[in-house]
PDB file of N, CA and C in Angstrom:
ATOM      1  N   PHE A   1       0.864  -1.179  -0.041  1.00  0.00           N
ATOM      2  CA  PHE A   1       0.011   0.011   0.027  1.00  0.00           C
ATOM      3  C   PHE A   1       0.845   1.225   0.009  1.00  0.00           C
ATOM      4  N   GLY A   2       0.351   2.352   0.287  1.00  0.00           N
ATOM      5  CA  GLY A   2       1.114   3.609   0.340  1.00  0.00           C
ATOM      6  C   GLY A   2       2.066   3.604   1.406  1.00  0.00           C
ATOM      7  N   SER A   3       3.183   4.263   1.386  1.00  0.00           N
ATOM      8  CA  SER A   3       4.179   4.390   2.340  1.00  0.00           C
ATOM      9  C   SER A   3       3.789   5.578   3.287  1.00  0.00           C
ATOM     10  N   ARG A   4       3.890   5.337   4.478  1.00  0.00           N
ATOM     11  CA  ARG A   4       3.586   6.441   5.479  1.00  0.00           C
ATOM     12  C   ARG A   4       4.839   7.302   5.560  1.00  0.00           C
ATOM     13  N   ARG A   5       4.640   8.641   5.457  1.00  0.00           N
ATOM     14  CA  ARG A   5       5.785   9.546   5.762  1.00  0.00           C
ATOM     15  C   ARG A   5       5.477  10.352   6.937  1.00  0.00           C
ATOM     16  N   LEU A   6       6.548  10.500   7.736  1.00  0.00           N
ATOM     17  CA  LEU A   6       6.400  11.217   8.951  1.00  0.00           C
ATOM     18  C   LEU A   6       7.039  12.590   8.723  1.00  0.00           C
ATOM     19  N   TYR A   7       6.296  13.579   8.937  1.00  0.00           N
ATOM     20  CA  TYR A   7       6.823  14.889   8.788  1.00  0.00           C
ATOM     21  C   TYR A   7       7.037  15.566  10.226  1.00  0.00           C
ATOM     22  N   ARG A   8       8.059  16.407  10.313  1.00  0.00           N
ATOM     23  CA  ARG A   8       8.110  17.022  11.510  1.00  0.00           C
ATOM     24  C   ARG A   8       8.365  18.494  11.268  1.00  0.00           C
ATOM     25  N   ALA A   9       7.861  19.355  12.066  1.00  0.00           N
ATOM     26  CA  ALA A   9       7.978  20.838  11.881  1.00  0.00           C
ATOM     27  C   ALA A   9       9.377  21.300  12.084  1.00  0.00           C
ATOM     28  N   VAL A  10       9.929  22.027  11.238  1.00  0.00           N
ATOM     29  CA  VAL A  10      11.273  22.513  11.292  1.00  0.00           C
ATOM     30  C   VAL A  10      11.152  24.064  11.532  1.00  0.00           C
ATOM     31  N   SER A  11      11.643  24.612  12.630  1.00  0.00           N
ATOM     32  CA  SER A  11      11.567  26.022  12.902  1.00  0.00           C
ATOM     33  C   SER A  11      13.003  26.555  12.619  1.00  0.00           C
ATOM     34  N   VAL A  12      12.952  27.549  11.837  1.00  0.00           N
ATOM     35  CA  VAL A  12      14.258  28.184  11.460  1.00  0.00           C
ATOM     36  C   VAL A  12      14.078  29.655  11.802  1.00  0.00           C
ATOM     37  N   THR A  13      15.083  30.146  12.552  1.00  0.00           N
ATOM     38  CA  THR A  13      15.054  31.700  12.799  1.00  0.00           C
ATOM     39  C   THR A  13      16.159  32.280  12.067  1.00  0.00           C
ATOM     40  N   ALA A  14      15.869  32.938  10.989  1.00  0.00           N
ATOM     41  CA  ALA A  14      16.839  33.535  10.098  1.00  0.00           C
ATOM     42  C   ALA A  14      16.702  35.076  10.284  1.00  0.00           C
ATOM     43  N   GLY A  15      16.495  35.567  11.428  1.00  0.00           N
ATOM     44  CA  GLY A  15      16.337  36.961  11.721  1.00  0.00           C
ATOM     45  C   GLY A  15      14.905  37.389  11.701  1.00  0.00           C
ATOM     46  N   PRO A  16      14.690  38.700  11.939  1.00  0.00           N
ATOM     47  CA  PRO A  16      13.279  39.244  12.104  1.00  0.00           C
ATOM     48  C   PRO A  16      12.548  39.280  10.812  1.00  0.00           C
ATOM     49  N   ALA A  17      11.429  38.790  10.708  1.00  0.00           N
ATOM     50  CA  ALA A  17      10.667  38.773   9.507  1.00  0.00           C
ATOM     51  C   ALA A  17      10.023  40.128   9.226  1.00  0.00           C
ATOM     52  N   ILE A  18      10.119  40.630   8.063  1.00  0.00           N
ATOM     53  CA  ILE A  18       9.618  41.978   7.694  1.00  0.00           C
ATOM     54  C   ILE A  18       8.227  41.710   7.216  1.00  0.00           C
ATOM     55  N   GLN A  19       7.116  42.283   7.830  1.00  0.00           N
ATOM     56  CA  GLN A  19       5.734  41.979   7.389  1.00  0.00           C
ATOM     57  C   GLN A  19       5.470  43.153   6.403  1.00  0.00           C
ATOM     58  N   GLN A  20       4.797  42.568   5.250  1.00  0.00           N
ATOM     59  CA  GLN A  20       4.255  43.515   4.251  1.00  0.00           C
ATOM     60  C   GLN A  20       2.850  43.195   3.946  1.00  0.00           C
ATOM     61  N   ARG A  21       2.143  44.184   3.314  1.00  0.00           N
ATOM     62  CA  ARG A  21       0.779  43.939   3.066  1.00  0.00           C
ATOM     63  C   ARG A  21       0.639  43.805   1.498  1.00  0.00           C
ATOM     64  N   ASP A  22      -0.187  42.898   1.056  1.00  0.00           N
ATOM     65  CA  ASP A  22      -0.414  42.775  -0.338  1.00  0.00           C
ATOM     66  C   ASP A  22      -1.652  43.517  -0.779  1.00  0.00           C
ATOM     67  N   GLU A  23      -2.129  43.265  -2.039  1.00  0.00           N
ATOM     68  CA  GLU A  23      -3.136  44.070  -2.623  1.00  0.00           C
ATOM     69  C   GLU A  23      -4.396  43.997  -1.770  1.00  0.00           C
ATOM     70  N   MET A  24      -4.691  42.823  -1.180  1.00  0.00           N
ATOM     71  CA  MET A  24      -5.983  42.625  -0.391  1.00  0.00           C
ATOM     72  C   MET A  24      -5.816  43.056   1.145  1.00  0.00           C
ATOM     73  N   GLY A  25      -4.598  43.598   1.492  1.00  0.00           N
ATOM     74  CA  GLY A  25      -4.441  44.012   2.806  1.00  0.00           C
ATOM     75  C   GLY A  25      -3.968  42.927   3.777  1.00  0.00           C
ATOM     76  N   LYS A  26      -3.661  41.686   3.324  1.00  0.00           N
ATOM     77  CA  LYS A  26      -3.202  40.608   4.051  1.00  0.00           C
ATOM     78  C   LYS A  26      -1.752  40.802   4.295  1.00  0.00           C
ATOM     79  N   THR A  27      -1.296  40.316   5.488  1.00  0.00           N
ATOM     80  CA  THR A  27       0.230  40.450   5.765  1.00  0.00           C
ATOM     81  C   THR A  27       0.887  39.248   5.214  1.00  0.00           C
ATOM     82  N   THR A  28       2.061  39.583   4.528  1.00  0.00           N
ATOM     83  CA  THR A  28       2.819  38.544   3.968  1.00  0.00           C
ATOM     84  C   THR A  28       4.291  38.808   4.303  1.00  0.00           C
ATOM     85  N   THR A  29       5.151  37.798   4.274  1.00  0.00           N
ATOM     86  CA  THR A  29       6.528  37.963   4.407  1.00  0.00           C
ATOM     87  C   THR A  29       7.229  37.830   3.086  1.00  0.00           C
ATOM     88  N   PRO A  30       8.203  38.671   2.757  1.00  0.00           N
ATOM     89  CA  PRO A  30       8.843  38.588   1.461  1.00  0.00           C
ATOM     90  C   PRO A  30       9.682  37.306   1.328  1.00  0.00           C
ATOM     91  N   LYS A  31       9.658  36.650   0.208  1.00  0.00           N
ATOM     92  CA  LYS A  31      10.394  35.489  -0.012  1.00  0.00           C
ATOM     93  C   LYS A  31      11.893  35.818  -0.091  1.00  0.00           C
ATOM     94  N   PRO A  32      12.656  35.070   0.566  1.00  0.00           N
ATOM     95  CA  PRO A  32      14.105  35.412   0.573  1.00  0.00           C
ATOM     96  C   PRO A  32      14.694  35.084  -0.753  1.00  0.00           C
ATOM     97  N   GLU A  33      15.747  35.762  -1.219  1.00  0.00           N
ATOM     98  CA  GLU A  33      16.462  35.533  -2.464  1.00  0.00           C
ATOM     99  C   GLU A  33      17.176  34.199  -2.390  1.00  0.00           C
ATOM    100  N   PRO A  34      17.112  33.471  -3.504  1.00  0.00           N
ATOM    101  CA  PRO A  34      17.782  32.222  -3.612  1.00  0.00           C
ATOM    102  C   PRO A  34      19.357  32.377  -3.523  1.00  0.00           C
ATOM    103  N   THR A  35      19.948  31.341  -2.907  1.00  0.00           N
ATOM    104  CA  THR A  35      21.470  31.441  -2.796  1.00  0.00           C
ATOM    105  C   THR A  35      22.236  30.895  -4.018  1.00  0.00           C
ATOM    106  N   GLY A  36      21.491  30.068  -4.904  1.00  0.00           N
ATOM    107  CA  GLY A  36      22.233  29.527  -5.963  1.00  0.00           C
ATOM    108  C   GLY A  36      22.892  28.171  -5.557  1.00  0.00           C
ATOM    109  N   LEU A  37      22.770  27.764  -4.430  1.00  0.00           N
ATOM    110  CA  LEU A  37      23.228  26.453  -3.935  1.00  0.00           C
ATOM    111  C   LEU A  37      22.119  25.408  -4.135  1.00  0.00           C
ATOM    112  N   ALA A  38      22.556  24.156  -4.184  1.00  0.00           N
ATOM    113  CA  ALA A  38      21.597  23.029  -4.439  1.00  0.00           C
ATOM    114  C   ALA A  38      20.997  22.536  -3.212  1.00  0.00           C
ATOM    115  N   ALA A  39      21.251  23.134  -2.009  1.00  0.00           N
ATOM    116  CA  ALA A  39      20.642  22.687  -0.795  1.00  0.00           C
ATOM    117  C   ALA A  39      20.360  23.793   0.036  1.00  0.00           C
ATOM    118  N   GLY A  40      19.470  23.571   0.961  1.00  0.00           N
ATOM    119  CA  GLY A  40      19.143  24.692   1.998  1.00  0.00           C
ATOM    120  C   GLY A  40      17.715  25.211   1.767  1.00  0.00           C
ATOM    121  N   LEU A  41      17.430  26.176   2.511  1.00  0.00           N
ATOM    122  CA  LEU A  41      16.000  26.736   2.511  1.00  0.00           C
ATOM    123  C   LEU A  41      15.834  27.594   1.326  1.00  0.00           C
ATOM    124  N   ASN A  42      16.771  28.282   0.949  1.00  0.00           N
ATOM    125  CA  ASN A  42      16.726  29.173  -0.294  1.00  0.00           C
ATOM    126  C   ASN A  42      17.439  28.559  -1.473  1.00  0.00           C
ATOM    127  N   LYS A  43      17.395  27.235  -1.636  1.00  0.00           N
ATOM    128  CA  LYS A  43      18.101  26.651  -2.782  1.00  0.00           C
ATOM    129  C   LYS A  43      17.507  27.000  -4.083  1.00  0.00           C
ATOM    130  N   GLY A  44      18.329  26.804  -5.132  1.00  0.00           N
ATOM    131  CA  GLY A  44      17.710  27.046  -6.491  1.00  0.00           C
ATOM    132  C   GLY A  44      18.489  27.893  -7.256  1.00  0.00           C
ATOM    133  N   PHE A  45      18.206  27.814  -8.633  1.00  0.00           N
ATOM    134  CA  PHE A  45      18.877  28.678  -9.554  1.00  0.00           C
ATOM    135  C   PHE A  45      18.473  30.180  -9.455  1.00  0.00           C
ATOM    136  N   ILE A  46      19.332  31.057  -9.484  1.00  0.00           N
ATOM    137  CA  ILE A  46      19.002  32.490  -9.316  1.00  0.00           C
ATOM    138  C   ILE A  46      18.398  33.016 -10.593  1.00  0.00           C
ATOM    139  N   VAL A  47      17.171  33.464 -10.577  1.00  0.00           N
ATOM    140  CA  VAL A  47      16.403  34.021 -11.746  1.00  0.00           C
ATOM    141  C   VAL A  47      15.858  35.386 -11.322  1.00  0.00           C
ATOM    142  N   THR A  48      15.526  36.137 -12.395  1.00  0.00           N
ATOM    143  CA  THR A  48      14.882  37.374 -12.137  1.00  0.00           C
ATOM    144  C   THR A  48      13.309  37.127 -12.036  1.00  0.00           C
ATOM    145  N   ARG A  49      12.698  37.622 -10.970  1.00  0.00           N
ATOM    146  CA  ARG A  49      11.261  37.345 -10.792  1.00  0.00           C
ATOM    147  C   ARG A  49      10.443  38.269 -11.620  1.00  0.00           C
ATOM    148  N   ARG A  50       9.365  37.727 -12.191  1.00  0.00           N
ATOM    149  CA  ARG A  50       8.494  38.561 -13.047  1.00  0.00           C
ATOM    150  C   ARG A  50       7.385  39.126 -12.228  1.00  0.00           C
ATOM    151  N   GLU A  51       6.871  40.237 -12.679  1.00  0.00           N
ATOM    152  CA  GLU A  51       5.647  40.867 -12.031  1.00  0.00           C
ATOM    153  C   GLU A  51       4.406  40.197 -12.712  1.00  0.00           C
ATOM    154  N   LEU A  52       3.696  39.470 -11.970  1.00  0.00           N
ATOM    155  CA  LEU A  52       2.521  38.764 -12.527  1.00  0.00           C
ATOM    156  C   LEU A  52       1.310  39.664 -12.482  1.00  0.00           C
ATOM    157  N   LYS A  53       0.341  39.511 -13.462  1.00  0.00           N
ATOM    158  CA  LYS A  53      -0.908  40.256 -13.452  1.00  0.00           C
ATOM    159  C   LYS A  53      -1.771  39.666 -12.270  1.00  0.00           C
ATOM    160  N   MET A  54      -2.628  40.538 -11.726  1.00  0.00           N
ATOM    161  CA  MET A  54      -3.490  40.137 -10.609  1.00  0.00           C
ATOM    162  C   MET A  54      -4.578  39.248 -11.165  1.00  0.00           C
ATOM    163  N   LYS A  55      -4.703  38.084 -10.466  1.00  0.00           N
ATOM    164  CA  LYS A  55      -5.713  37.101 -10.861  1.00  0.00           C
ATOM    165  C   LYS A  55      -7.107  37.545 -10.412  1.00  0.00           C
ATOM    166  N   PRO A  56      -8.152  37.136 -11.136  1.00  0.00           N
ATOM    167  CA  PRO A  56      -9.460  37.609 -10.739  1.00  0.00           C
ATOM    168  C   PRO A  56      -9.804  37.139  -9.300  1.00  0.00           C
ATOM    169  N   SER A  57      -9.191  36.045  -8.891  1.00  0.00           N
ATOM    170  CA  SER A  57      -9.461  35.473  -7.586  1.00  0.00           C
ATOM    171  C   SER A  57      -8.876  36.394  -6.567  1.00  0.00           C
ATOM    172  N   MET A  58      -7.879  37.030  -6.799  1.00  0.00           N
ATOM    173  CA  MET A  58      -7.272  37.985  -5.809  1.00  0.00           C
ATOM    174  C   MET A  58      -8.023  39.322  -5.661  1.00  0.00           C
ATOM    175  N   ARG A  59      -8.834  39.615  -6.722  1.00  0.00           N
ATOM    176  CA  ARG A  59      -9.652  40.744  -6.739  1.00  0.00           C
ATOM    177  C   ARG A  59     -10.941  40.543  -5.984  1.00  0.00           C
ATOM    178  N   ARG A  60     -11.272  39.288  -5.771  1.00  0.00           N
ATOM    179  CA  ARG A  60     -12.527  38.958  -5.168  1.00  0.00           C
ATOM    180  C   ARG A  60     -12.827  39.529  -3.815  1.00  0.00           C
ATOM    181  N   GLY A  61     -13.917  40.178  -3.606  1.00  0.00           N
ATOM    182  CA  GLY A  61     -14.267  40.586  -2.323  1.00  0.00           C
ATOM    183  C   GLY A  61     -14.129  42.171  -2.309  1.00  0.00           C
ATOM    184  N   ARG A  62     -13.492  42.786  -3.253  1.00  0.00           N
ATOM    185  CA  ARG A  62     -13.400  44.206  -3.462  1.00  0.00           C
ATOM    186  C   ARG A  62     -14.700  44.755  -3.918  1.00  0.00           C
ATOM    187  N   LYS A  63     -15.029  45.966  -3.325  1.00  0.00           N
ATOM    188  CA  LYS A  63     -16.302  46.596  -3.753  1.00  0.00           C
ATOM    189  C   LYS A  63     -16.074  47.243  -5.077  1.00  0.00           C
ATOM    190  N   GLY A  64     -16.920  46.927  -6.056  1.00  0.00           N
ATOM    191  CA  GLY A  64     -16.938  47.513  -7.344  1.00  0.00           C
ATOM    192  C   GLY A  64     -17.707  48.849  -7.402  1.00  0.00           C
ATOM    193  N   GLU A  65     -17.525  49.679  -8.496  1.00  0.00           N
ATOM    194  CA  GLU A  65     -18.166  50.954  -8.576  1.00  0.00           C
ATOM    195  C   GLU A  65     -19.742  50.804  -8.619  1.00  0.00           C
ATOM    196  N   ARG A  66     -20.188  49.781  -9.361  1.00  0.00           N
ATOM    197  CA  ARG A  66     -21.580  49.549  -9.517  1.00  0.00           C
ATOM    198  C   ARG A  66     -22.221  49.079  -8.194  1.00  0.00           C
ATOM    199  N   VAL A  67     -21.584  48.215  -7.477  1.00  0.00           N
ATOM    200  CA  VAL A  67     -22.043  47.662  -6.259  1.00  0.00           C
ATOM    201  C   VAL A  67     -22.158  48.743  -5.215  1.00  0.00           C
ATOM    202  N   GLY A  68     -21.082  49.601  -5.202  1.00  0.00           N
ATOM    203  CA  GLY A  68     -21.168  50.701  -4.223  1.00  0.00           C
ATOM    204  C   GLY A  68     -22.230  51.677  -4.493  1.00  0.00           C
ATOM    205  N   LEU A  69     -22.509  51.985  -5.709  1.00  0.00           N
ATOM    206  CA  LEU A  69     -23.683  52.896  -6.107  1.00  0.00           C
ATOM    207  C   LEU A  69     -24.923  52.243  -5.679  1.00  0.00           C
ATOM    208  N   VAL A  70     -25.103  50.967  -5.973  1.00  0.00           N
ATOM    209  CA  VAL A  70     -26.433  50.316  -5.632  1.00  0.00           C
ATOM    210  C   VAL A  70     -26.667  50.287  -4.066  1.00  0.00           C
ATOM    211  N   ARG A  71     -25.546  50.009  -3.338  1.00  0.00           N
ATOM    212  CA  ARG A  71     -25.756  50.022  -1.854  1.00  0.00           C
ATOM    213  C   ARG A  71     -26.049  51.317  -1.322  1.00  0.00           C
ATOM    214  N   GLU A  72     -25.422  52.402  -1.969  1.00  0.00           N
ATOM    215  CA  GLU A  72     -25.699  53.761  -1.477  1.00  0.00           C
ATOM    216  C   GLU A  72     -27.133  54.151  -1.723  1.00  0.00           C
ATOM    217  N   VAL A  73     -27.625  53.759  -2.941  1.00  0.00           N
ATOM    218  CA  VAL A  73     -29.088  54.121  -3.133  1.00  0.00           C
ATOM    219  C   VAL A  73     -30.031  53.344  -2.192  1.00  0.00           C
ATOM    220  N   VAL A  74     -29.680  52.047  -2.058  1.00  0.00           N
ATOM    221  CA  VAL A  74     -30.470  51.251  -1.155  1.00  0.00           C
ATOM    222  C   VAL A  74     -30.491  51.841   0.366  1.00  0.00           C
ATOM    223  N   ARG A  75     -29.318  52.312   0.757  1.00  0.00           N
ATOM    224  CA  ARG A  75     -29.213  52.898   2.166  1.00  0.00           C
ATOM    225  C   ARG A  75     -30.047  54.123   2.207  1.00  0.00           C
ATOM    226  N   GLU A  76     -30.075  54.991   1.123  1.00  0.00           N
ATOM    227  CA  GLU A  76     -30.873  56.212   1.163  1.00  0.00           C
ATOM    228  C   GLU A  76     -32.321  55.925   1.192  1.00  0.00           C
ATOM    229  N   VAL A  77     -32.800  54.837   0.452  1.00  0.00           N
ATOM    230  CA  VAL A  77     -34.244  54.613   0.367  1.00  0.00           C
ATOM    231  C   VAL A  77     -34.664  53.944   1.698  1.00  0.00           C
ATOM    232  N   VAL A  78     -33.919  52.884   2.030  1.00  0.00           N
ATOM    233  CA  VAL A  78     -34.494  52.031   3.123  1.00  0.00           C
ATOM    234  C   VAL A  78     -34.107  52.681   4.534  1.00  0.00           C
ATOM    235  N   GLY A  79     -32.875  53.250   4.684  1.00  0.00           N
ATOM    236  CA  GLY A  79     -32.461  53.741   6.000  1.00  0.00           C
ATOM    237  C   GLY A  79     -31.681  52.731   6.756  1.00  0.00           C
ATOM    238  N   PHE A  80     -31.455  53.002   8.022  1.00  0.00           N
ATOM    239  CA  PHE A  80     -30.623  52.221   8.795  1.00  0.00           C
ATOM    240  C   PHE A  80     -31.445  51.118   9.568  1.00  0.00           C
ATOM    241  N   ALA A  81     -30.715  50.064   9.907  1.00  0.00           N
ATOM    242  CA  ALA A  81     -31.428  48.956  10.618  1.00  0.00           C
ATOM    243  C   ALA A  81     -31.607  49.493  12.057  1.00  0.00           C
ATOM    244  N   PRO A  82     -32.538  48.848  12.843  1.00  0.00           N
ATOM    245  CA  PRO A  82     -32.783  49.360  14.202  1.00  0.00           C
ATOM    246  C   PRO A  82     -31.532  49.264  15.019  1.00  0.00           C
ATOM    247  N   TYR A  83     -30.579  48.211  14.911  1.00  0.00           N
ATOM    248  CA  TYR A  83     -29.494  48.310  15.773  1.00  0.00           C
ATOM    249  C   TYR A  83     -28.459  49.367  15.291  1.00  0.00           C
ATOM    250  N   GLU A  84     -28.426  49.689  14.053  1.00  0.00           N
ATOM    251  CA  GLU A  84     -27.584  50.749  13.569  1.00  0.00           C
ATOM    252  C   GLU A  84     -27.980  52.131  14.050  1.00  0.00           C
ATOM    253  N   ARG A  85     -29.314  52.381  14.145  1.00  0.00           N
ATOM    254  CA  ARG A  85     -30.023  53.583  14.649  1.00  0.00           C
ATOM    255  C   ARG A  85     -29.529  53.746  16.057  1.00  0.00           C
ATOM    256  N   ARG A  86     -29.687  52.650  16.838  1.00  0.00           N
ATOM    257  CA  ARG A  86     -29.308  52.699  18.277  1.00  0.00           C
ATOM    258  C   ARG A  86     -27.902  53.036  18.500  1.00  0.00           C
ATOM    259  N   MET A  87     -27.022  52.400  17.770  1.00  0.00           N
ATOM    260  CA  MET A  87     -25.588  52.710  17.862  1.00  0.00           C
ATOM    261  C   MET A  87     -25.328  54.166  17.536  1.00  0.00           C
ATOM    262  N   ILE A  88     -25.942  54.798  16.521  1.00  0.00           N
ATOM    263  CA  ILE A  88     -25.750  56.105  16.165  1.00  0.00           C
ATOM    264  C   ILE A  88     -26.195  56.985  17.280  1.00  0.00           C
ATOM    265  N   GLU A  89     -27.321  56.729  17.860  1.00  0.00           N
ATOM    266  CA  GLU A  89     -27.844  57.441  18.988  1.00  0.00           C
ATOM    267  C   GLU A  89     -26.948  57.445  20.205  1.00  0.00           C
ATOM    268  N   LEU A  90     -26.433  56.215  20.524  1.00  0.00           N
ATOM    269  CA  LEU A  90     -25.428  56.079  21.673  1.00  0.00           C
ATOM    270  C   LEU A  90     -24.133  56.794  21.449  1.00  0.00           C
ATOM    271  N   ILE A  91     -23.647  56.783  20.154  1.00  0.00           N
ATOM    272  CA  ILE A  91     -22.432  57.548  19.783  1.00  0.00           C
ATOM    273  C   ILE A  91     -22.607  59.049  19.949  1.00  0.00           C
ATOM    274  N   LYS A  92     -23.830  59.561  19.528  1.00  0.00           N
ATOM    275  CA  LYS A  92     -24.176  61.015  19.650  1.00  0.00           C
ATOM    276  C   LYS A  92     -24.136  61.418  21.033  1.00  0.00           C
ATOM    277  N   ILE A  93     -24.720  60.581  22.032  1.00  0.00           N
ATOM    278  CA  ILE A  93     -24.747  61.049  23.458  1.00  0.00           C
ATOM    279  C   ILE A  93     -23.309  60.953  24.001  1.00  0.00           C
ATOM    280  N   GLY A  94     -22.493  59.963  23.636  1.00  0.00           N
ATOM    281  CA  GLY A  94     -21.124  59.954  23.940  1.00  0.00           C
ATOM    282  C   GLY A  94     -20.474  59.944  25.247  1.00  0.00           C
ATOM    283  N   SER A  95     -21.187  59.191  26.309  1.00  0.00           N
ATOM    284  CA  SER A  95     -20.429  59.038  27.493  1.00  0.00           C
ATOM    285  C   SER A  95     -19.746  57.565  27.601  1.00  0.00           C
ATOM    286  N   ALA A  96     -18.977  57.418  28.581  1.00  0.00           N
ATOM    287  CA  ALA A  96     -18.231  56.103  28.654  1.00  0.00           C
ATOM    288  C   ALA A  96     -19.131  54.928  28.796  1.00  0.00           C
ATOM    289  N   SER A  97     -20.202  55.053  29.589  1.00  0.00           N
ATOM    290  CA  SER A  97     -21.137  53.963  29.764  1.00  0.00           C
ATOM    291  C   SER A  97     -21.867  53.602  28.653  1.00  0.00           C
ATOM    292  N   THR A  98     -22.191  54.549  27.738  1.00  0.00           N
ATOM    293  CA  THR A  98     -22.973  54.209  26.501  1.00  0.00           C
ATOM    294  C   THR A  98     -22.007  53.518  25.524  1.00  0.00           C
ATOM    295  N   PHE A  99     -20.728  53.800  25.559  1.00  0.00           N
ATOM    296  CA  PHE A  99     -19.696  53.144  24.704  1.00  0.00           C
ATOM    297  C   PHE A  99     -19.620  51.666  25.029  1.00  0.00           C
ATOM    298  N   LYS A 100     -19.584  51.488  26.385  1.00  0.00           N
ATOM    299  CA  LYS A 100     -19.510  50.100  26.959  1.00  0.00           C
ATOM    300  C   LYS A 100     -20.758  49.329  26.436  1.00  0.00           C
ATOM    301  N   ARG A 101     -21.949  49.940  26.604  1.00  0.00           N
ATOM    302  CA  ARG A 101     -23.201  49.348  26.215  1.00  0.00           C
ATOM    303  C   ARG A 101     -23.241  48.991  24.744  1.00  0.00           C
ATOM    304  N   SER A 102     -22.645  49.861  23.910  1.00  0.00           N
ATOM    305  CA  SER A 102     -22.841  49.643  22.439  1.00  0.00           C
ATOM    306  C   SER A 102     -21.902  48.578  21.951  1.00  0.00           C
ATOM    307  N   LEU A 103     -20.907  48.204  22.708  1.00  0.00           N
ATOM    308  CA  LEU A 103     -20.047  47.101  22.353  1.00  0.00           C
ATOM    309  C   LEU A 103     -20.778  45.742  22.586  1.00  0.00           C
TER     310      LEU A 103
END
């Protein structure tokens, strides 16, 4: 049958990781440059990295122009939900106890 492989987590500390944000706002760490060696974490042939086009799946979840306009019109016509009205009222009053209640 299939052979069972045992994997173990390897923790490597190669200095402080610099956090960056991508197009969708998610935090990512930059990929380290390859060393040109055949072994190690950054192994591999040194090549120049290409800038790739953004895939439609990466754009997913962003508010488009049309959707924003439709939501704005619906908000004008329908108004706020009861819980939203209560939150706005509590914020207008603005004491510490009302902020605690609104959370």
